[in-house]
Amino acid sequence: MTIFFNRGSMTAGEIAEIFDHAWQTTTRHLRVLERAGLVTQERQGRLRIYRLERKRFRLVREWLSYFDR
């Protein structure tokens, strides 16, 4: 997720290349993240560009860090 976070936006294909699982799994996870408000999607022709919602993502990271203590 660090790569995604640093670049700010990526296509669904670029995101799928990072992970070692089926394309359908990636798109399913992206839909869940979108519904949760953690990513937004923009269509550019045939491409879908996903952008991380940094403020919301930081809140989730802060909340999860509680469990690392």
PDB file of N, CA and C in Angstrom:
ATOM      1  N   MET A   1       0.814  -1.197   0.000  1.00  0.00           N
ATOM      2  CA  MET A   1       0.000   0.000   0.000  1.00  0.00           C
ATOM      3  C   MET A   1       0.856   1.259   0.000  1.00  0.00           C
ATOM      4  N   THR A   2       2.095   1.151   0.435  1.00  0.00           N
ATOM      5  CA  THR A   2       2.976   2.305   0.464  1.00  0.00           C
ATOM      6  C   THR A   2       3.178   2.882  -0.930  1.00  0.00           C
ATOM      7  N   ILE A   3       3.351   2.027  -1.938  1.00  0.00           N
ATOM      8  CA  ILE A   3       3.533   2.507  -3.302  1.00  0.00           C
ATOM      9  C   ILE A   3       2.319   3.310  -3.723  1.00  0.00           C
ATOM     10  N   PHE A   4       1.144   2.772  -3.492  1.00  0.00           N
ATOM     11  CA  PHE A   4      -0.103   3.430  -3.841  1.00  0.00           C
ATOM     12  C   PHE A   4      -0.209   4.773  -3.115  1.00  0.00           C
ATOM     13  N   PHE A   5       0.098   4.762  -1.845  1.00  0.00           N
ATOM     14  CA  PHE A   5      -0.019   5.957  -1.021  1.00  0.00           C
ATOM     15  C   PHE A   5       0.927   7.048  -1.505  1.00  0.00           C
ATOM     16  N   ASN A   6       2.154   6.690  -1.840  1.00  0.00           N
ATOM     17  CA  ASN A   6       3.132   7.687  -2.279  1.00  0.00           C
ATOM     18  C   ASN A   6       2.808   8.262  -3.649  1.00  0.00           C
ATOM     19  N   ARG A   7       2.304   7.454  -4.564  1.00  0.00           N
ATOM     20  CA  ARG A   7       2.013   7.936  -5.912  1.00  0.00           C
ATOM     21  C   ARG A   7       0.720   8.717  -5.969  1.00  0.00           C
ATOM     22  N   GLY A   8      -0.196   8.445  -5.085  1.00  0.00           N
ATOM     23  CA  GLY A   8      -1.440   9.194  -5.042  1.00  0.00           C
ATOM     24  C   GLY A   8      -2.549   8.612  -5.887  1.00  0.00           C
ATOM     25  N   SER A   9      -2.250   8.231  -7.133  1.00  0.00           N
ATOM     26  CA  SER A   9      -3.283   7.627  -7.967  1.00  0.00           C
ATOM     27  C   SER A   9      -2.650   6.606  -8.903  1.00  0.00           C
ATOM     28  N   MET A  10      -3.428   5.575  -9.205  1.00  0.00           N
ATOM     29  CA  MET A  10      -2.968   4.497 -10.072  1.00  0.00           C
ATOM     30  C   MET A  10      -4.166   3.903 -10.796  1.00  0.00           C
ATOM     31  N   THR A  11      -3.902   3.275 -11.928  1.00  0.00           N
ATOM     32  CA  THR A  11      -4.969   2.548 -12.599  1.00  0.00           C
ATOM     33  C   THR A  11      -5.204   1.232 -11.869  1.00  0.00           C
ATOM     34  N   ALA A  12      -6.358   0.644 -12.144  1.00  0.00           N
ATOM     35  CA  ALA A  12      -6.663  -0.655 -11.543  1.00  0.00           C
ATOM     36  C   ALA A  12      -5.608  -1.684 -11.951  1.00  0.00           C
ATOM     37  N   GLY A  13      -5.155  -1.627 -13.195  1.00  0.00           N
ATOM     38  CA  GLY A  13      -4.131  -2.553 -13.669  1.00  0.00           C
ATOM     39  C   GLY A  13      -2.815  -2.399 -12.934  1.00  0.00           C
ATOM     40  N   GLU A  14      -2.400  -1.152 -12.670  1.00  0.00           N
ATOM     41  CA  GLU A  14      -1.161  -0.908 -11.930  1.00  0.00           C
ATOM     42  C   GLU A  14      -1.257  -1.454 -10.510  1.00  0.00           C
ATOM     43  N   ILE A  15      -2.419  -1.289  -9.917  1.00  0.00           N
ATOM     44  CA  ILE A  15      -2.619  -1.803  -8.555  1.00  0.00           C
ATOM     45  C   ILE A  15      -2.583  -3.326  -8.571  1.00  0.00           C
ATOM     46  N   ALA A  16      -3.246  -3.930  -9.554  1.00  0.00           N
ATOM     47  CA  ALA A  16      -3.299  -5.392  -9.648  1.00  0.00           C
ATOM     48  C   ALA A  16      -1.911  -5.988  -9.817  1.00  0.00           C
ATOM     49  N   GLU A  17      -1.004  -5.300 -10.520  1.00  0.00           N
ATOM     50  CA  GLU A  17       0.353  -5.810 -10.735  1.00  0.00           C
ATOM     51  C   GLU A  17       1.147  -5.948  -9.438  1.00  0.00           C
ATOM     52  N   ILE A  18       0.793  -5.162  -8.428  1.00  0.00           N
ATOM     53  CA  ILE A  18       1.523  -5.169  -7.164  1.00  0.00           C
ATOM     54  C   ILE A  18       1.246  -6.451  -6.375  1.00  0.00           C
ATOM     55  N   PHE A  19       0.029  -6.970  -6.491  1.00  0.00           N
ATOM     56  CA  PHE A  19      -0.411  -8.083  -5.668  1.00  0.00           C
ATOM     57  C   PHE A  19      -0.396  -9.394  -6.442  1.00  0.00           C
ATOM     58  N   ASP A  20      -0.204 -10.483  -5.716  1.00  0.00           N
ATOM     59  CA  ASP A  20      -0.108 -11.803  -6.315  1.00  0.00           C
ATOM     60  C   ASP A  20      -1.422 -12.562  -6.160  1.00  0.00           C
ATOM     61  N   HIS A  21      -2.467 -12.063  -6.811  1.00  0.00           N
ATOM     62  CA  HIS A  21      -3.743 -12.769  -6.829  1.00  0.00           C
ATOM     63  C   HIS A  21      -4.508 -12.392  -8.091  1.00  0.00           C
ATOM     64  N   ALA A  22      -5.650 -12.989  -8.278  1.00  0.00           N
ATOM     65  CA  ALA A  22      -6.430 -12.804  -9.506  1.00  0.00           C
ATOM     66  C   ALA A  22      -6.936 -11.368  -9.649  1.00  0.00           C
ATOM     67  N   TRP A  23      -7.095 -10.953 -10.904  1.00  0.00           N
ATOM     68  CA  TRP A  23      -7.610  -9.619 -11.227  1.00  0.00           C
ATOM     69  C   TRP A  23      -8.957  -9.363 -10.529  1.00  0.00           C
ATOM     70  N   GLN A  24      -9.836 -10.362 -10.537  1.00  0.00           N
ATOM     71  CA  GLN A  24     -11.152 -10.211  -9.920  1.00  0.00           C
ATOM     72  C   GLN A  24     -11.036  -9.894  -8.432  1.00  0.00           C
ATOM     73  N   THR A  25     -10.051 -10.471  -7.777  1.00  0.00           N
ATOM     74  CA  THR A  25      -9.836 -10.208  -6.354  1.00  0.00           C
ATOM     75  C   THR A  25      -9.454  -8.749  -6.149  1.00  0.00           C
ATOM     76  N   THR A  26      -8.586  -8.236  -7.002  1.00  0.00           N
ATOM     77  CA  THR A  26      -8.173  -6.829  -6.900  1.00  0.00           C
ATOM     78  C   THR A  26      -9.359  -5.908  -7.088  1.00  0.00           C
ATOM     79  N   THR A  27     -10.148  -6.136  -8.125  1.00  0.00           N
ATOM     80  CA  THR A  27     -11.281  -5.246  -8.375  1.00  0.00           C
ATOM     81  C   THR A  27     -12.319  -5.333  -7.259  1.00  0.00           C
ATOM     82  N   ARG A  28     -12.489  -6.527  -6.708  1.00  0.00           N
ATOM     83  CA  ARG A  28     -13.428  -6.674  -5.580  1.00  0.00           C
ATOM     84  C   ARG A  28     -12.948  -5.868  -4.374  1.00  0.00           C
ATOM     85  N   HIS A  29     -11.656  -5.937  -4.078  1.00  0.00           N
ATOM     86  CA  HIS A  29     -11.112  -5.173  -2.959  1.00  0.00           C
ATOM     87  C   HIS A  29     -11.217  -3.674  -3.215  1.00  0.00           C
ATOM     88  N   LEU A  30     -10.974  -3.253  -4.436  1.00  0.00           N
ATOM     89  CA  LEU A  30     -11.090  -1.828  -4.759  1.00  0.00           C
ATOM     90  C   LEU A  30     -12.525  -1.332  -4.571  1.00  0.00           C
ATOM     91  N   ARG A  31     -13.502  -2.150  -4.928  1.00  0.00           N
ATOM     92  CA  ARG A  31     -14.908  -1.761  -4.707  1.00  0.00           C
ATOM     93  C   ARG A  31     -15.205  -1.600  -3.220  1.00  0.00           C
ATOM     94  N   VAL A  32     -14.676  -2.501  -2.404  1.00  0.00           N
ATOM     95  CA  VAL A  32     -14.888  -2.412  -0.950  1.00  0.00           C
ATOM     96  C   VAL A  32     -14.249  -1.132  -0.414  1.00  0.00           C
ATOM     97  N   LEU A  33     -13.023  -0.849  -0.847  1.00  0.00           N
ATOM     98  CA  LEU A  33     -12.342   0.369  -0.405  1.00  0.00           C
ATOM     99  C   LEU A  33     -13.081   1.617  -0.861  1.00  0.00           C
ATOM    100  N   GLU A  34     -13.645   1.567  -2.059  1.00  0.00           N
ATOM    101  CA  GLU A  34     -14.412   2.703  -2.569  1.00  0.00           C
ATOM    102  C   GLU A  34     -15.685   2.916  -1.748  1.00  0.00           C
ATOM    103  N   ARG A  35     -16.395   1.839  -1.454  1.00  0.00           N
ATOM    104  CA  ARG A  35     -17.606   1.952  -0.630  1.00  0.00           C
ATOM    105  C   ARG A  35     -17.305   2.492   0.762  1.00  0.00           C
ATOM    106  N   ALA A  36     -16.116   2.163   1.272  1.00  0.00           N
ATOM    107  CA  ALA A  36     -15.709   2.640   2.601  1.00  0.00           C
ATOM    108  C   ALA A  36     -15.212   4.081   2.558  1.00  0.00           C
ATOM    109  N   GLY A  37     -15.097   4.648   1.357  1.00  0.00           N
ATOM    110  CA  GLY A  37     -14.642   6.026   1.231  1.00  0.00           C
ATOM    111  C   GLY A  37     -13.133   6.181   1.327  1.00  0.00           C
ATOM    112  N   LEU A  38     -12.390   5.072   1.196  1.00  0.00           N
ATOM    113  CA  LEU A  38     -10.930   5.131   1.305  1.00  0.00           C
ATOM    114  C   LEU A  38     -10.253   5.398  -0.036  1.00  0.00           C
ATOM    115  N   VAL A  39     -10.939   5.104  -1.129  1.00  0.00           N
ATOM    116  CA  VAL A  39     -10.441   5.449  -2.459  1.00  0.00           C
ATOM    117  C   VAL A  39     -11.596   6.019  -3.276  1.00  0.00           C
ATOM    118  N   THR A  40     -11.255   6.836  -4.249  1.00  0.00           N
ATOM    119  CA  THR A  40     -12.236   7.310  -5.216  1.00  0.00           C
ATOM    120  C   THR A  40     -11.792   6.833  -6.587  1.00  0.00           C
ATOM    121  N   GLN A  41     -12.724   6.812  -7.511  1.00  0.00           N
ATOM    122  CA  GLN A  41     -12.458   6.305  -8.843  1.00  0.00           C
ATOM    123  C   GLN A  41     -12.862   7.361  -9.874  1.00  0.00           C
ATOM    124  N   GLU A  42     -12.057   7.471 -10.905  1.00  0.00           N
ATOM    125  CA  GLU A  42     -12.359   8.375 -12.011  1.00  0.00           C
ATOM    126  C   GLU A  42     -12.126   7.604 -13.305  1.00  0.00           C
ATOM    127  N   ARG A  43     -13.046   7.709 -14.232  1.00  0.00           N
ATOM    128  CA  ARG A  43     -12.886   7.037 -15.524  1.00  0.00           C
ATOM    129  C   ARG A  43     -12.202   7.977 -16.496  1.00  0.00           C
ATOM    130  N   GLN A  44     -11.209   7.432 -17.183  1.00  0.00           N
ATOM    131  CA  GLN A  44     -10.536   8.142 -18.264  1.00  0.00           C
ATOM    132  C   GLN A  44     -10.517   7.186 -19.454  1.00  0.00           C
ATOM    133  N   GLY A  45     -11.514   7.310 -20.305  1.00  0.00           N
ATOM    134  CA  GLY A  45     -11.664   6.356 -21.404  1.00  0.00           C
ATOM    135  C   GLY A  45     -11.980   4.981 -20.856  1.00  0.00           C
ATOM    136  N   ARG A  46     -11.163   3.999 -21.217  1.00  0.00           N
ATOM    137  CA  ARG A  46     -11.356   2.636 -20.719  1.00  0.00           C
ATOM    138  C   ARG A  46     -10.722   2.409 -19.358  1.00  0.00           C
ATOM    139  N   LEU A  47      -9.892   3.342 -18.917  1.00  0.00           N
ATOM    140  CA  LEU A  47      -9.167   3.181 -17.650  1.00  0.00           C
ATOM    141  C   LEU A  47      -9.984   3.688 -16.477  1.00  0.00           C
ATOM    142  N   ARG A  48      -9.742   3.068 -15.351  1.00  0.00           N
ATOM    143  CA  ARG A  48     -10.277   3.571 -14.082  1.00  0.00           C
ATOM    144  C   ARG A  48      -9.079   3.983 -13.249  1.00  0.00           C
ATOM    145  N   ILE A  49      -9.059   5.230 -12.867  1.00  0.00           N
ATOM    146  CA  ILE A  49      -7.965   5.768 -12.060  1.00  0.00           C
ATOM    147  C   ILE A  49      -8.458   5.825 -10.615  1.00  0.00           C
ATOM    148  N   TYR A  50      -7.713   5.184  -9.721  1.00  0.00           N
ATOM    149  CA  TYR A  50      -8.072   5.165  -8.308  1.00  0.00           C
ATOM    150  C   TYR A  50      -7.160   6.111  -7.551  1.00  0.00           C
ATOM    151  N   ARG A  51      -7.756   6.888  -6.676  1.00  0.00           N
ATOM    152  CA  ARG A  51      -7.006   7.845  -5.866  1.00  0.00           C
ATOM    153  C   ARG A  51      -7.306   7.572  -4.395  1.00  0.00           C
ATOM    154  N   LEU A  52      -6.256   7.521  -3.620  1.00  0.00           N
ATOM    155  CA  LEU A  52      -6.384   7.282  -2.191  1.00  0.00           C
ATOM    156  C   LEU A  52      -6.916   8.533  -1.500  1.00  0.00           C
ATOM    157  N   GLU A  53      -7.915   8.373  -0.663  1.00  0.00           N
ATOM    158  CA  GLU A  53      -8.434   9.476   0.147  1.00  0.00           C
ATOM    159  C   GLU A  53      -7.578   9.541   1.412  1.00  0.00           C
ATOM    160  N   ARG A  54      -6.556  10.354   1.357  1.00  0.00           N
ATOM    161  CA  ARG A  54      -5.513  10.365   2.385  1.00  0.00           C
ATOM    162  C   ARG A  54      -6.018  10.656   3.795  1.00  0.00           C
ATOM    163  N   LYS A  55      -6.911  11.605   3.959  1.00  0.00           N
ATOM    164  CA  LYS A  55      -7.408  11.927   5.306  1.00  0.00           C
ATOM    165  C   LYS A  55      -8.130  10.736   5.930  1.00  0.00           C
ATOM    166  N   ARG A  56      -8.989  10.114   5.163  1.00  0.00           N
ATOM    167  CA  ARG A  56      -9.717   8.948   5.683  1.00  0.00           C
ATOM    168  C   ARG A  56      -8.772   7.784   5.953  1.00  0.00           C
ATOM    169  N   PHE A  57      -7.812   7.600   5.043  1.00  0.00           N
ATOM    170  CA  PHE A  57      -6.856   6.515   5.210  1.00  0.00           C
ATOM    171  C   PHE A  57      -6.017   6.720   6.464  1.00  0.00           C
ATOM    172  N   ARG A  58      -5.625   7.958   6.740  1.00  0.00           N
ATOM    173  CA  ARG A  58      -4.856   8.250   7.962  1.00  0.00           C
ATOM    174  C   ARG A  58      -5.660   7.895   9.211  1.00  0.00           C
ATOM    175  N   LEU A  59      -6.942   8.200   9.193  1.00  0.00           N
ATOM    176  CA  LEU A  59      -7.790   7.856  10.346  1.00  0.00           C
ATOM    177  C   LEU A  59      -7.806   6.349  10.585  1.00  0.00           C
ATOM    178  N   VAL A  60      -7.918   5.586   9.516  1.00  0.00           N
ATOM    179  CA  VAL A  60      -7.911   4.125   9.643  1.00  0.00           C
ATOM    180  C   VAL A  60      -6.562   3.651  10.179  1.00  0.00           C
ATOM    181  N   ARG A  61      -5.468   4.208   9.640  1.00  0.00           N
ATOM    182  CA  ARG A  61      -4.134   3.819  10.106  1.00  0.00           C
ATOM    183  C   ARG A  61      -3.958   4.147  11.584  1.00  0.00           C
ATOM    184  N   GLU A  62      -4.423   5.309  12.018  1.00  0.00           N
ATOM    185  CA  GLU A  62      -4.331   5.674  13.437  1.00  0.00           C
ATOM    186  C   GLU A  62      -5.129   4.702  14.292  1.00  0.00           C
ATOM    187  N   TRP A  63      -6.326   4.373  13.844  1.00  0.00           N
ATOM    188  CA  TRP A  63      -7.167   3.453  14.593  1.00  0.00           C
ATOM    189  C   TRP A  63      -6.508   2.083  14.683  1.00  0.00           C
ATOM    190  N   LEU A  64      -5.965   1.585  13.567  1.00  0.00           N
ATOM    191  CA  LEU A  64      -5.304   0.280  13.565  1.00  0.00           C
ATOM    192  C   LEU A  64      -4.021   0.278  14.407  1.00  0.00           C
ATOM    193  N   SER A  65      -3.342   1.394  14.472  1.00  0.00           N
ATOM    194  CA  SER A  65      -2.094   1.457  15.256  1.00  0.00           C
ATOM    195  C   SER A  65      -2.371   1.222  16.746  1.00  0.00           C
ATOM    196  N   TYR A  66      -3.579   1.492  17.175  1.00  0.00           N
ATOM    197  CA  TYR A  66      -3.970   1.228  18.558  1.00  0.00           C
ATOM    198  C   TYR A  66      -3.732  -0.240  18.913  1.00  0.00           C
ATOM    199  N   PHE A  67      -3.973  -1.135  17.956  1.00  0.00           N
ATOM    200  CA  PHE A  67      -3.851  -2.568  18.201  1.00  0.00           C
ATOM    201  C   PHE A  67      -2.402  -3.042  18.174  1.00  0.00           C
ATOM    202  N   ASP A  68      -1.477  -2.210  17.704  1.00  0.00           N
ATOM    203  CA  ASP A  68      -0.056  -2.547  17.696  1.00  0.00           C
ATOM    204  C   ASP A  68       0.611  -2.257  19.035  1.00  0.00           C
ATOM    205  N   ARG A  69      -0.042  -1.530  19.865  1.00  0.00           N
ATOM    206  CA  ARG A  69       0.557  -1.121  21.151  1.00  0.00           C
ATOM    207  C   ARG A  69       0.656  -2.269  22.107  1.00  0.00           C
TER     208      ARG A  69
END
